[in-house]
Protein backbone atom coordinates (compact mmCIF):
# COMPACT_ATOMS: atom_id res chain seq x y z
CA MET A 1 -14.30 34.94 -5.67
CA ASP A 2 -16.62 32.28 -7.41
CA LEU A 3 -14.66 28.91 -7.18
CA ASN A 4 -16.51 27.77 -9.99
CA LEU A 5 -15.25 30.05 -12.50
CA LEU A 6 -11.65 29.32 -11.04
CA LYS A 7 -12.69 25.59 -11.86
CA VAL A 8 -13.43 27.11 -15.62
CA PHE A 9 -10.53 28.92 -15.72
CA VAL A 10 -8.34 26.19 -14.96
CA ASN A 11 -9.88 23.89 -17.16
CA VAL A 12 -9.38 25.96 -20.15
CA ALA A 13 -5.84 26.70 -19.26
CA ASN A 14 -5.11 22.95 -19.09
CA LYS A 15 -6.88 21.84 -22.44
CA LYS A 16 -5.70 25.05 -24.17
CA SER A 17 -9.10 25.19 -25.97
CA ILE A 18 -12.68 26.28 -25.05
CA SER A 19 -14.17 23.64 -27.02
CA MET A 20 -12.33 20.77 -25.14
CA ALA A 21 -12.95 22.11 -21.77
CA ALA A 22 -16.76 22.70 -22.52
CA SER A 23 -16.55 18.95 -23.66
CA GLU A 24 -14.74 18.16 -20.22
CA LEU A 25 -17.11 20.21 -17.82
CA LYS A 26 -19.88 18.63 -19.71
CA CYS A 27 -21.75 22.22 -20.74
CA ALA A 28 -22.03 24.36 -23.66
CA GLN A 29 -18.87 26.06 -25.37
CA SER A 30 -21.02 29.53 -24.79
CA ASN A 31 -21.17 28.87 -21.30
CA VAL A 32 -17.51 28.15 -20.74
CA THR A 33 -16.82 31.37 -22.62
CA SER A 34 -19.29 33.60 -20.69
CA ARG A 35 -17.54 32.44 -17.42
CA ILE A 36 -14.36 33.48 -18.73
CA LYS A 37 -15.42 36.81 -19.57
CA GLN A 38 -17.26 37.07 -16.43
CA LEU A 39 -13.76 36.18 -14.88
CA GLU A 40 -11.87 38.48 -16.70
CA LYS A 41 -14.18 41.15 -16.18
CA ASN A 42 -14.01 40.57 -12.01
CA LEU A 43 -10.56 40.57 -11.88
CA GLY A 44 -10.08 43.68 -14.77
CA VAL A 45 -7.35 42.02 -16.83
CA GLU A 46 -7.22 39.53 -20.08
CA LEU A 47 -6.54 36.06 -19.45
CA PHE A 48 -6.41 34.33 -22.58
CA PHE A 49 -5.10 35.01 -26.00
CA ARG A 50 -7.10 33.62 -28.37
CA VAL A 51 -4.94 31.45 -31.15
CA PRO A 52 -6.17 30.01 -34.27
CA LYS A 53 -5.74 26.19 -32.30
CA GLY A 54 -7.38 27.63 -29.38
CA VAL A 55 -6.10 29.99 -26.67
CA ILE A 56 -3.20 30.66 -24.27
CA LEU A 57 -2.34 32.11 -21.24
CA THR A 58 -1.37 36.09 -21.09
CA LYS A 59 1.15 36.93 -18.68
CA GLU A 60 -1.67 37.93 -15.99
CA GLY A 61 -3.17 34.36 -16.48
CA GLU A 62 0.03 32.74 -15.92
CA LYS A 63 0.10 34.56 -12.93
CA LEU A 64 -3.29 33.42 -11.76
CA TYR A 65 -3.00 29.44 -12.55
CA PRO A 66 -1.01 28.88 -9.49
CA GLN A 67 -2.95 30.73 -7.25
CA ALA A 68 -6.48 29.35 -8.62
CA LEU A 69 -5.01 25.34 -8.07
CA GLU A 70 -4.00 26.23 -4.80
CA LEU A 71 -7.10 28.04 -3.79
CA ILE A 72 -9.50 25.30 -5.36
CA HIS A 73 -7.76 22.30 -3.63
CA LYS A 74 -7.29 23.96 -0.34
CA ILE A 75 -11.58 24.96 -0.40
CA GLN A 76 -11.90 21.00 -1.66
CA ASN A 77 -10.00 19.53 1.15
CA CYS A 78 -11.84 21.72 3.82
CA ILE A 79 -15.06 20.37 2.11
CA ASP A 80 -13.98 16.87 2.34
CA SER A 81 -12.52 17.25 5.76
CA ILE A 82 -16.00 18.61 7.06
CA SER A 83 -18.05 16.45 5.08
CA ASN A 84 -16.28 12.81 5.48
CA ASN A 85 -13.84 12.33 8.12
CA SER A 86 -13.67 8.65 6.87
CA VAL A 87 -9.79 7.63 5.85
CA GLU A 88 -11.69 6.00 2.59
CA ILE A 89 -10.77 8.13 -0.61
CA SER A 90 -12.82 7.44 -3.61
CA SER A 91 -9.50 8.17 -6.02
CA LEU A 92 -6.07 8.40 -6.09
CA LYS A 93 -3.90 9.80 -9.20
CA ILE A 94 -0.05 8.87 -8.73
CA GLY A 95 2.67 9.97 -10.59
CA SER A 96 5.82 7.70 -10.97
CA THR A 97 9.38 8.27 -12.58
CA ASP A 98 9.99 5.59 -15.28
CA CYS A 99 12.82 4.24 -13.12
CA ASN A 100 10.83 3.89 -10.14
CA ALA A 101 7.63 2.14 -12.70
CA ALA A 102 10.06 -0.30 -13.50
CA VAL A 103 10.76 -1.81 -10.26
CA ARG A 104 8.17 -1.50 -7.75
CA ILE A 105 5.28 -0.12 -9.37
CA SER A 106 3.40 -2.76 -9.86
CA PRO A 107 3.23 -4.10 -6.16
CA PHE A 108 2.83 -1.08 -4.82
CA LEU A 109 -0.48 -0.72 -6.90
CA LEU A 110 -1.68 -4.20 -6.25
CA LYS A 111 -1.11 -3.75 -2.98
CA LEU A 112 -2.98 -0.45 -2.88
CA HIS A 113 -6.13 -2.15 -4.74
CA GLN A 114 -5.55 -4.91 -2.41
CA ASP A 115 -6.22 -2.89 0.75
CA PHE A 116 -8.96 -0.03 -1.19
CA PRO A 117 -10.51 -2.46 -3.70
CA ASN A 118 -13.02 0.73 -4.50
CA MET A 119 -10.45 3.20 -4.70
CA HIS A 120 -9.58 4.16 -8.58
CA LEU A 121 -6.33 4.27 -9.21
CA GLU A 122 -4.69 6.45 -12.07
CA LEU A 123 -1.12 6.37 -13.13
CA PHE A 124 1.04 8.77 -14.68
CA THR A 125 4.81 8.08 -15.80
CA GLY A 126 7.73 10.07 -16.84
CA THR A 127 10.85 11.89 -15.68
CA THR A 128 11.35 13.39 -12.14
CA LYS A 129 11.15 16.48 -13.98
CA ASP A 130 7.67 15.63 -15.53
CA ILE A 131 6.09 14.48 -12.51
CA TYR A 132 7.68 17.76 -10.26
CA GLU A 133 5.41 19.68 -13.09
CA LEU A 134 2.64 17.34 -12.33
CA LEU A 135 2.56 17.60 -8.45
CA LEU A 136 2.85 20.99 -8.51
CA ASP A 137 -0.14 21.48 -10.77
CA TYR A 138 -2.28 19.30 -8.42
CA LYS A 139 -2.28 16.85 -11.69
CA VAL A 140 -1.42 13.78 -9.26
CA ASP A 141 -1.84 13.26 -5.37
CA ILE A 142 1.32 11.72 -4.70
CA ALA A 143 4.45 10.59 -6.41
CA PHE A 144 7.69 9.01 -6.87
CA ILE A 145 10.66 10.77 -7.43
CA SER A 146 14.30 10.56 -7.81
CA GLY A 147 16.16 12.11 -5.14
CA GLU A 148 15.00 14.27 -2.09
CA PRO A 149 12.56 17.25 -3.20
CA THR A 150 14.04 20.44 -3.44
CA ASN A 151 10.70 22.43 -3.66
CA ASP A 152 9.57 23.70 0.12
CA SER A 153 5.99 22.66 -1.06
CA LEU A 154 6.35 19.29 -1.23
CA ILE A 155 6.80 16.37 1.46
CA VAL A 156 8.19 13.14 1.96
CA LEU A 157 5.66 10.11 2.95
CA LYS A 158 8.43 7.35 2.27
CA LYS A 159 11.78 6.71 1.54
CA PHE A 160 13.56 4.33 -0.63
CA GLU A 161 17.17 3.51 -0.17
CA GLU A 162 18.98 2.94 -3.82
CA GLU A 163 21.98 1.78 -4.70
CA ILE A 164 23.57 4.23 -7.57
CA ALA A 165 26.39 2.21 -9.81
CA ILE A 166 28.19 3.47 -12.94
CA LEU A 167 27.12 0.83 -15.58
CA GLU A 168 30.04 -0.11 -18.15
CA PRO A 169 30.39 -3.02 -20.54
CA GLN A 170 32.69 -5.65 -19.03
CA LYS A 171 35.57 -5.23 -21.79
CA ASP A 172 37.99 -2.36 -20.87
CA ASP A 173 37.94 -1.36 -24.31
CA SER A 174 34.88 0.36 -24.71
CA PRO A 175 34.09 4.16 -25.54
CA ASN A 176 33.76 6.84 -23.18
CA VAL A 177 30.01 7.21 -24.25
CA ALA A 178 27.10 8.35 -21.85
CA LEU A 179 23.73 6.33 -22.98
CA THR A 180 21.14 8.58 -21.28
CA PHE A 181 17.54 8.22 -20.64
CA LYS A 182 14.76 11.29 -21.44
CA GLU A 183 15.57 14.81 -20.77
CA GLY A 184 14.85 15.26 -17.09
CA CYS A 185 16.35 12.37 -15.65
CA VAL A 186 17.93 13.04 -12.52
CA TYR A 187 20.46 9.93 -12.92
CA ASP A 188 21.79 11.35 -16.63
CA GLU A 189 22.00 14.79 -14.54
CA PHE A 190 23.98 13.56 -11.95
CA LEU A 191 26.39 11.41 -14.07
CA LYS A 192 27.27 14.40 -16.17
CA SER A 193 27.91 15.87 -13.41
CA TYR A 194 30.26 13.03 -11.90
CA TYR A 195 32.45 13.04 -15.15
CA GLN A 196 32.94 16.51 -14.86
CA GLN A 197 33.98 16.38 -10.92
CA LYS A 198 36.18 13.31 -12.01
CA ASN A 199 37.96 15.21 -15.11
CA ILE A 200 36.72 12.24 -17.22
CA PHE A 201 36.25 13.24 -21.06
CA VAL A 202 32.85 12.30 -22.47
CA GLU A 203 32.80 11.82 -26.05
CA LYS A 204 29.23 11.89 -26.51
CA SER A 205 25.84 11.25 -25.42
CA LEU A 206 23.45 8.77 -26.88
CA PRO A 207 19.79 9.29 -26.01
CA PHE A 208 17.36 6.38 -25.12
CA GLY A 209 13.92 6.50 -24.49
CA ASN A 210 13.78 3.03 -23.29
CA LEU A 211 15.59 1.47 -19.84
CA GLU A 212 16.70 -2.37 -21.37
CA THR A 213 17.43 -0.83 -23.98
CA ILE A 214 20.07 1.41 -22.55
CA LEU A 215 21.33 -1.93 -20.46
CA SER A 216 21.52 -3.77 -23.55
CA CYS A 217 23.64 -1.11 -25.29
CA ILE A 218 25.87 -1.43 -22.58
CA LYS A 219 26.29 -5.51 -22.50
CA VAL A 220 27.33 -5.23 -26.03
CA GLY A 221 29.93 -2.17 -25.22
CA MET A 222 28.01 0.87 -26.72
CA GLY A 223 28.78 2.76 -23.86
CA LYS A 224 28.37 3.66 -20.07
CA SER A 225 25.39 4.84 -17.98
CA LEU A 226 24.62 5.22 -14.46
CA LEU A 227 21.22 4.15 -12.53
CA PRO A 228 19.85 2.37 -9.59
CA MET A 229 21.20 -1.18 -8.71
CA SER A 230 17.52 -2.28 -8.39
CA ILE A 231 16.42 -1.32 -12.19
CA VAL A 232 19.72 -3.39 -13.00
CA LYS A 233 19.08 -6.50 -11.14
CA LYS A 234 15.04 -6.35 -12.01
CA MET A 235 15.81 -6.61 -15.75
CA GLY A 236 18.47 -9.48 -15.03
CA TYR A 237 21.75 -7.50 -16.28
CA ASP A 238 23.45 -7.89 -12.92
CA LYS A 239 25.83 -10.59 -14.50
CA ASP A 240 26.06 -9.26 -18.03
CA ILE A 241 27.85 -5.88 -17.46
CA LYS A 242 30.67 -4.47 -15.10
CA VAL A 243 29.10 -2.72 -12.02
CA THR A 244 30.79 -0.27 -9.90
CA ILE A 245 28.41 0.90 -6.76
CA LEU A 246 29.27 4.13 -5.80
CA PRO A 247 29.40 5.13 -2.24
CA LYS A 248 26.72 6.80 -0.79
CA ASP A 249 28.70 10.17 0.31
CA GLU A 250 29.31 10.29 -3.58
CA ALA A 251 25.72 9.51 -5.01
CA TYR A 252 22.80 9.56 -2.52
CA ILE A 253 19.72 9.62 -4.60
CA PRO A 254 16.67 7.74 -2.91
CA THR A 255 13.54 7.33 -4.04
CA CYS A 256 10.87 9.49 -2.48
CA LEU A 257 7.05 9.24 -1.92
CA VAL A 258 6.20 12.58 -1.82
CA CYS A 259 2.81 14.82 -2.01
CA ARG A 260 2.35 18.51 -1.62
CA ALA A 261 2.16 19.62 1.72
CA ASP A 262 -1.24 21.67 0.81
CA ASN A 263 -2.76 18.35 -0.30
CA ILE A 264 -2.06 15.32 1.75
CA PRO A 265 -3.93 12.60 1.10
CA LYS A 266 -5.99 10.92 3.81
CA ILE A 267 -4.28 7.41 3.59
CA SER A 268 -0.73 9.33 4.44
CA ASP A 269 -0.47 7.13 7.51
CA TYR A 270 -0.79 4.03 5.37
CA LEU A 271 1.58 4.98 2.79
CA LYS A 272 4.20 5.97 5.16
CA SER A 273 4.02 2.43 6.81
CA LEU A 274 3.58 0.37 3.55
CA GLN A 275 6.23 -2.19 2.65
CA ILE A 276 6.77 -2.86 -1.01
CA ASP A 277 10.69 -3.58 -1.26
C-alpha cells in the first residue's frame, strides 16, 4: 500500500476537511481528493462521508485510522533508525496533564532546551483522558499522565511519586460539596470513588477549569477536593486549608512520563535519568 496515500488519509481524518488538509499538505485540493478516491478504490470501501462542514469517517474509515497511524509511524521509525543513528532528534511533542503542568513542566522544558538547544518543542495540555487520546493517535511523542497507564501500548519512562491529599476548609462546618476539575481528571474520578467506598454523602459537585480557583474556593469554605500535595505547596495553599494526606495503600496515583511502545523517542535513556523534582 502507498504510504503517501495513508498520510493523506490521516491528515484529512484529523482536519475533517479536504480543503484544510490540502492547505496543511501544501498541495491542491483536487490532488487530495484524487488520492482519497485512489485509496478508496484500492481498498474497495468508502472512507469518508461528505457533510456540509467537511468530511467524517465512515465505519470502514474509523477502522482504518488507527492501523494507518501505526503503519506510518513504524515505517518512519524504521527509516529514521537506518538513516540516522544519532540520539539527536529535531522535534519533540510533549503532552501533560494540567496538574503536572502546574508543578514540573517548566523545569522539564527548560532542562530539555538547555541540553538540546536545537530541538523544537511543542506542548499540549489537558486531562489524563485528553492526553491518552493524543498519545494513542501519535499526536504527542511523550506525555505526563496521572496514574500508571492501563493501556498495553504505553510504557513508563519515568515515575514521579505523589502525596495525594483530601483538601478541606479549615472550618469544620463546611458543606460536603466536591470541587472538581475538568471531565477526565483522574483525581476527580478517584475522589468520587473514595467517597462512595467510605459511604460519605456528597451534596453536589461543582466543576472548575482552573486549579487555583479550586484551592481558593476551598480556602473560603465552599467545598472539598483531592489533589497532589505538590500542587497545593506550589500554589502556596498548604497553610490555608485543611490537608489530610492519604496513605499509599489507599491512594497511589503517581505521575508517569510515558510513550507508546512502538514510538520510543531516541532520547528515552536521557528522559529516564532526568532529575526535575
